[in-house]
Amino acid sequence: MSTYDWKKSSYSGDSSNCLTIATTDSGLLLRESDNPGTVLTLTATQLRTLIRMLKGEIR
């Protein structure tokens, strides 16, 4: 089993309800801190598109 260096935004403070991110050789991993067993694997381009969609910049 791989171990990743999970990071969270400094805006999250001490909250345990946040999104964490880790990097791998093949892309990025995202998970919600209260459900760490579910991991989304994305490339940098896919993450950029997801963020733009969440911000309402694209559909």
PDB file of N, CA and C in Angstrom:
ATOM      1  N   MET A   1       0.844  -1.188   0.000  1.00  0.00           N
ATOM      2  CA  MET A   1       0.000   0.000   0.000  1.00  0.00           C
ATOM      3  C   MET A   1       0.883   1.243   0.000  1.00  0.00           C
ATOM      4  N   SER A   2       0.566   2.192  -0.842  1.00  0.00           N
ATOM      5  CA  SER A   2       1.346   3.415  -0.946  1.00  0.00           C
ATOM      6  C   SER A   2       0.954   4.406   0.140  1.00  0.00           C
ATOM      7  N   THR A   3       1.938   5.172   0.561  1.00  0.00           N
ATOM      8  CA  THR A   3       1.699   6.245   1.510  1.00  0.00           C
ATOM      9  C   THR A   3       1.906   7.563   0.782  1.00  0.00           C
ATOM     10  N   TYR A   4       0.969   8.463   0.921  1.00  0.00           N
ATOM     11  CA  TYR A   4       1.031   9.743   0.241  1.00  0.00           C
ATOM     12  C   TYR A   4       1.160  10.863   1.255  1.00  0.00           C
ATOM     13  N   ASP A   5       1.735  11.960   0.839  1.00  0.00           N
ATOM     14  CA  ASP A   5       1.873  13.145   1.668  1.00  0.00           C
ATOM     15  C   ASP A   5       0.662  14.037   1.410  1.00  0.00           C
ATOM     16  N   TRP A   6      -0.416  13.795   2.146  1.00  0.00           N
ATOM     17  CA  TRP A   6      -1.666  14.520   1.958  1.00  0.00           C
ATOM     18  C   TRP A   6      -1.537  15.932   2.514  1.00  0.00           C
ATOM     19  N   LYS A   7      -2.024  16.915   1.754  1.00  0.00           N
ATOM     20  CA  LYS A   7      -1.997  18.328   2.154  1.00  0.00           C
ATOM     21  C   LYS A   7      -3.414  18.871   2.163  1.00  0.00           C
ATOM     22  N   LYS A   8      -3.652  19.851   3.032  1.00  0.00           N
ATOM     23  CA  LYS A   8      -4.940  20.534   3.022  1.00  0.00           C
ATOM     24  C   LYS A   8      -4.700  22.028   3.017  1.00  0.00           C
ATOM     25  N   SER A   9      -5.684  22.755   2.596  1.00  0.00           N
ATOM     26  CA  SER A   9      -5.593  24.201   2.504  1.00  0.00           C
ATOM     27  C   SER A   9      -5.404  24.817   3.886  1.00  0.00           C
ATOM     28  N   SER A  10      -4.622  25.871   3.935  1.00  0.00           N
ATOM     29  CA  SER A  10      -4.451  26.593   5.195  1.00  0.00           C
ATOM     30  C   SER A  10      -5.764  27.259   5.618  1.00  0.00           C
ATOM     31  N   TYR A  11      -6.692  27.443   4.685  1.00  0.00           N
ATOM     32  CA  TYR A  11      -7.999  28.014   5.006  1.00  0.00           C
ATOM     33  C   TYR A  11      -8.850  27.056   5.835  1.00  0.00           C
ATOM     34  N   SER A  12      -8.498  25.779   5.834  1.00  0.00           N
ATOM     35  CA  SER A  12      -9.267  24.783   6.585  1.00  0.00           C
ATOM     36  C   SER A  12      -9.026  24.878   8.081  1.00  0.00           C
ATOM     37  N   GLY A  13      -7.932  25.463   8.480  1.00  0.00           N
ATOM     38  CA  GLY A  13      -7.614  25.574   9.901  1.00  0.00           C
ATOM     39  C   GLY A  13      -7.527  24.200  10.538  1.00  0.00           C
ATOM     40  N   ASP A  14      -8.135  24.051  11.710  1.00  0.00           N
ATOM     41  CA  ASP A  14      -8.121  22.775  12.426  1.00  0.00           C
ATOM     42  C   ASP A  14      -9.319  21.902  12.077  1.00  0.00           C
ATOM     43  N   SER A  15     -10.127  22.350  11.140  1.00  0.00           N
ATOM     44  CA  SER A  15     -11.324  21.609  10.762  1.00  0.00           C
ATOM     45  C   SER A  15     -10.973  20.239  10.188  1.00  0.00           C
ATOM     46  N   SER A  16     -11.743  19.243  10.542  1.00  0.00           N
ATOM     47  CA  SER A  16     -11.522  17.903   9.987  1.00  0.00           C
ATOM     48  C   SER A  16     -12.425  17.670   8.773  1.00  0.00           C
ATOM     49  N   ASN A  17     -13.207  18.673   8.396  1.00  0.00           N
ATOM     50  CA  ASN A  17     -14.113  18.571   7.263  1.00  0.00           C
ATOM     51  C   ASN A  17     -13.523  19.366   6.096  1.00  0.00           C
ATOM     52  N   CYS A  18     -12.572  18.739   5.388  1.00  0.00           N
ATOM     53  CA  CYS A  18     -11.900  19.461   4.312  1.00  0.00           C
ATOM     54  C   CYS A  18     -11.463  18.492   3.210  1.00  0.00           C
ATOM     55  N   LEU A  19     -11.053  19.061   2.115  1.00  0.00           N
ATOM     56  CA  LEU A  19     -10.539  18.311   0.984  1.00  0.00           C
ATOM     57  C   LEU A  19      -9.022  18.275   1.090  1.00  0.00           C
ATOM     58  N   THR A  20      -8.428  17.105   0.904  1.00  0.00           N
ATOM     59  CA  THR A  20      -6.976  16.989   0.937  1.00  0.00           C
ATOM     60  C   THR A  20      -6.482  16.531  -0.426  1.00  0.00           C
ATOM     61  N   ILE A  21      -5.227  16.874  -0.740  1.00  0.00           N
ATOM     62  CA  ILE A  21      -4.655  16.567  -2.042  1.00  0.00           C
ATOM     63  C   ILE A  21      -3.254  15.987  -1.857  1.00  0.00           C
ATOM     64  N   ALA A  22      -2.908  15.062  -2.731  1.00  0.00           N
ATOM     65  CA  ALA A  22      -1.565  14.482  -2.753  1.00  0.00           C
ATOM     66  C   ALA A  22      -1.136  14.356  -4.204  1.00  0.00           C
ATOM     67  N   THR A  23       0.160  14.337  -4.434  1.00  0.00           N
ATOM     68  CA  THR A  23       0.666  14.185  -5.792  1.00  0.00           C
ATOM     69  C   THR A  23       1.291  12.809  -5.969  1.00  0.00           C
ATOM     70  N   THR A  24       1.205  12.306  -7.182  1.00  0.00           N
ATOM     71  CA  THR A  24       1.838  11.045  -7.550  1.00  0.00           C
ATOM     72  C   THR A  24       2.585  11.272  -8.863  1.00  0.00           C
ATOM     73  N   ASP A  25       3.318  10.278  -9.301  1.00  0.00           N
ATOM     74  CA  ASP A  25       4.013  10.384 -10.584  1.00  0.00           C
ATOM     75  C   ASP A  25       3.038  10.525 -11.748  1.00  0.00           C
ATOM     76  N   SER A  26       1.839   9.989 -11.586  1.00  0.00           N
ATOM     77  CA  SER A  26       0.874   9.997 -12.687  1.00  0.00           C
ATOM     78  C   SER A  26      -0.215  11.058 -12.562  1.00  0.00           C
ATOM     79  N   GLY A  27      -0.223  11.826 -11.484  1.00  0.00           N
ATOM     80  CA  GLY A  27      -1.250  12.847 -11.350  1.00  0.00           C
ATOM     81  C   GLY A  27      -1.482  13.286  -9.920  1.00  0.00           C
ATOM     82  N   LEU A  28      -2.717  13.637  -9.634  1.00  0.00           N
ATOM     83  CA  LEU A  28      -3.116  14.167  -8.339  1.00  0.00           C
ATOM     84  C   LEU A  28      -4.199  13.298  -7.727  1.00  0.00           C
ATOM     85  N   LEU A  29      -4.206  13.231  -6.408  1.00  0.00           N
ATOM     86  CA  LEU A  29      -5.220  12.482  -5.672  1.00  0.00           C
ATOM     87  C   LEU A  29      -5.997  13.450  -4.794  1.00  0.00           C
ATOM     88  N   LEU A  30      -7.309  13.328  -4.784  1.00  0.00           N
ATOM     89  CA  LEU A  30      -8.179  14.138  -3.936  1.00  0.00           C
ATOM     90  C   LEU A  30      -9.004  13.225  -3.048  1.00  0.00           C
ATOM     91  N   ARG A  31      -9.214  13.659  -1.817  1.00  0.00           N
ATOM     92  CA  ARG A  31     -10.103  12.915  -0.919  1.00  0.00           C
ATOM     93  C   ARG A  31     -10.702  13.874   0.093  1.00  0.00           C
ATOM     94  N   GLU A  32     -11.847  13.501   0.601  1.00  0.00           N
ATOM     95  CA  GLU A  32     -12.495  14.280   1.655  1.00  0.00           C
ATOM     96  C   GLU A  32     -12.019  13.716   2.986  1.00  0.00           C
ATOM     97  N   SER A  33     -11.662  14.581   3.899  1.00  0.00           N
ATOM     98  CA  SER A  33     -11.049  14.127   5.145  1.00  0.00           C
ATOM     99  C   SER A  33     -11.948  13.223   5.979  1.00  0.00           C
ATOM    100  N   ASP A  34     -13.262  13.405   5.910  1.00  0.00           N
ATOM    101  CA  ASP A  34     -14.132  12.542   6.708  1.00  0.00           C
ATOM    102  C   ASP A  34     -14.491  11.242   5.982  1.00  0.00           C
ATOM    103  N   ASN A  35     -13.985  11.048   4.760  1.00  0.00           N
ATOM    104  CA  ASN A  35     -14.160   9.795   4.031  1.00  0.00           C
ATOM    105  C   ASN A  35     -12.866   9.493   3.256  1.00  0.00           C
ATOM    106  N   PRO A  36     -11.756   9.244   3.981  1.00  0.00           N
ATOM    107  CA  PRO A  36     -10.451   9.115   3.335  1.00  0.00           C
ATOM    108  C   PRO A  36     -10.284   7.873   2.471  1.00  0.00           C
ATOM    109  N   GLY A  37     -11.194   6.946   2.543  1.00  0.00           N
ATOM    110  CA  GLY A  37     -11.093   5.736   1.735  1.00  0.00           C
ATOM    111  C   GLY A  37     -11.505   5.933   0.286  1.00  0.00           C
ATOM    112  N   THR A  38     -12.228   7.013   0.006  1.00  0.00           N
ATOM    113  CA  THR A  38     -12.646   7.324  -1.355  1.00  0.00           C
ATOM    114  C   THR A  38     -11.688   8.364  -1.922  1.00  0.00           C
ATOM    115  N   VAL A  39     -10.970   7.974  -2.974  1.00  0.00           N
ATOM    116  CA  VAL A  39      -9.945   8.840  -3.563  1.00  0.00           C
ATOM    117  C   VAL A  39     -10.230   9.046  -5.041  1.00  0.00           C
ATOM    118  N   LEU A  40     -10.176  10.288  -5.483  1.00  0.00           N
ATOM    119  CA  LEU A  40     -10.365  10.657  -6.874  1.00  0.00           C
ATOM    120  C   LEU A  40      -8.988  10.925  -7.472  1.00  0.00           C
ATOM    121  N   THR A  41      -8.670  10.277  -8.588  1.00  0.00           N
ATOM    122  CA  THR A  41      -7.385  10.458  -9.261  1.00  0.00           C
ATOM    123  C   THR A  41      -7.584  11.329 -10.493  1.00  0.00           C
ATOM    124  N   LEU A  42      -6.797  12.398 -10.586  1.00  0.00           N
ATOM    125  CA  LEU A  42      -6.931  13.357 -11.674  1.00  0.00           C
ATOM    126  C   LEU A  42      -5.567  13.767 -12.222  1.00  0.00           C
ATOM    127  N   THR A  43      -5.566  14.187 -13.477  1.00  0.00           N
ATOM    128  CA  THR A  43      -4.387  14.857 -14.017  1.00  0.00           C
ATOM    129  C   THR A  43      -4.510  16.331 -13.640  1.00  0.00           C
ATOM    130  N   ALA A  44      -3.452  17.091 -13.826  1.00  0.00           N
ATOM    131  CA  ALA A  44      -3.507  18.523 -13.527  1.00  0.00           C
ATOM    132  C   ALA A  44      -4.567  19.218 -14.387  1.00  0.00           C
ATOM    133  N   THR A  45      -4.664  18.834 -15.640  1.00  0.00           N
ATOM    134  CA  THR A  45      -5.670  19.416 -16.540  1.00  0.00           C
ATOM    135  C   THR A  45      -7.077  19.103 -16.057  1.00  0.00           C
ATOM    136  N   GLN A  46      -7.317  17.875 -15.627  1.00  0.00           N
ATOM    137  CA  GLN A  46      -8.641  17.501 -15.126  1.00  0.00           C
ATOM    138  C   GLN A  46      -8.983  18.276 -13.858  1.00  0.00           C
ATOM    139  N   LEU A  47      -8.017  18.460 -12.971  1.00  0.00           N
ATOM    140  CA  LEU A  47      -8.264  19.230 -11.749  1.00  0.00           C
ATOM    141  C   LEU A  47      -8.580  20.681 -12.091  1.00  0.00           C
ATOM    142  N   ARG A  48      -7.841  21.263 -12.996  1.00  0.00           N
ATOM    143  CA  ARG A  48      -8.089  22.635 -13.429  1.00  0.00           C
ATOM    144  C   ARG A  48      -9.508  22.768 -13.988  1.00  0.00           C
ATOM    145  N   THR A  49      -9.931  21.804 -14.802  1.00  0.00           N
ATOM    146  CA  THR A  49     -11.279  21.823 -15.370  1.00  0.00           C
ATOM    147  C   THR A  49     -12.334  21.678 -14.272  1.00  0.00           C
ATOM    148  N   LEU A  50     -12.109  20.781 -13.320  1.00  0.00           N
ATOM    149  CA  LEU A  50     -13.044  20.600 -12.204  1.00  0.00           C
ATOM    150  C   LEU A  50     -13.204  21.897 -11.424  1.00  0.00           C
ATOM    151  N   ILE A  51     -12.111  22.553 -11.121  1.00  0.00           N
ATOM    152  CA  ILE A  51     -12.175  23.810 -10.367  1.00  0.00           C
ATOM    153  C   ILE A  51     -12.929  24.871 -11.154  1.00  0.00           C
ATOM    154  N   ARG A  52     -12.653  24.987 -12.430  1.00  0.00           N
ATOM    155  CA  ARG A  52     -13.360  25.955 -13.269  1.00  0.00           C
ATOM    156  C   ARG A  52     -14.855  25.648 -13.322  1.00  0.00           C
ATOM    157  N   MET A  53     -15.213  24.372 -13.373  1.00  0.00           N
ATOM    158  CA  MET A  53     -16.631  23.996 -13.387  1.00  0.00           C
ATOM    159  C   MET A  53     -17.288  24.353 -12.067  1.00  0.00           C
ATOM    160  N   LEU A  54     -16.612  24.083 -10.954  1.00  0.00           N
ATOM    161  CA  LEU A  54     -17.177  24.396  -9.637  1.00  0.00           C
ATOM    162  C   LEU A  54     -17.340  25.894  -9.436  1.00  0.00           C
ATOM    163  N   LYS A  55     -16.475  26.672 -10.053  1.00  0.00           N
ATOM    164  CA  LYS A  55     -16.559  28.133  -9.969  1.00  0.00           C
ATOM    165  C   LYS A  55     -17.590  28.693 -10.943  1.00  0.00           C
ATOM    166  N   GLY A  56     -18.142  27.846 -11.798  1.00  0.00           N
ATOM    167  CA  GLY A  56     -19.158  28.280 -12.745  1.00  0.00           C
ATOM    168  C   GLY A  56     -18.584  28.940 -13.997  1.00  0.00           C
ATOM    169  N   GLU A  57     -17.290  28.789 -14.215  1.00  0.00           N
ATOM    170  CA  GLU A  57     -16.656  29.403 -15.375  1.00  0.00           C
ATOM    171  C   GLU A  57     -16.942  28.636 -16.661  1.00  0.00           C
ATOM    172  N   ILE A  58     -17.160  27.332 -16.551  1.00  0.00           N
ATOM    173  CA  ILE A  58     -17.488  26.499 -17.704  1.00  0.00           C
ATOM    174  C   ILE A  58     -18.585  25.524 -17.310  1.00  0.00           C
ATOM    175  N   ARG A  59     -19.216  24.938 -18.335  1.00  0.00           N
ATOM    176  CA  ARG A  59     -20.268  23.943 -18.076  1.00  0.00           C
ATOM    177  C   ARG A  59     -19.854  22.613 -18.599  1.00  0.00           C
TER     178      ARG A  59
END
